[in-house]
Amino acid sequence: MKITLCGSVAFIHEMDAVRAQLEALGHEVKMPPLTKPGEHGEPIPTLEYYAIKKSTVNDPKHWIWKQHDSAIRAHFQKVAWADAVLITNYNKNGVAHYVGPNTLMEMGLAFHLEKLIFLLHAVPEISYKEELLGMKPIVLAGDLHLIPNP
């Protein structure tokens, strides 16, 4: 199965480990990149990019905001390519099984495109839980073997 991994980039290393496990099970996997273009096009680690983005959220003229829309679109293309999305919803900021706003957008796109939606862990207790449930995600409870083989 073609699977695109979605989730907070704070989980990029966890996503990479899940990617390797899924590939070992015979799946074809896409995920956010491990590096992103820096200010002058040089690759920087995704977590560094994420930290810059967080620190410049109130500075719309910062270089990072001139390219962030293309990063969102690039991941949307990966969602469109896939048969399914797997939401890597680990604990973050005191929220168990966190699903953030970008991931919610990616889930909405997958839902609209009639893709399978898998959640690695349970649906989080958050204000938009009913929207998540409305997309009828398949909760894996951490077991990647529950994803049908290709």
Foldseek 3Di string as FASTA:
>chain_A
DEEEEDEDCVCVVVVVVVCVVVVVLPYHYHYQDQWDQDLVGDTDGPVVLVVVCVVCVVPCVPSSVVCVVVSLVVSLVSLLVGLEYEYAQDDDPNWHRDDDDSNLVSLVSNLVSVHAYEYLADQTPDPCSVVVVVSVHHYPNNPPVVPDGD
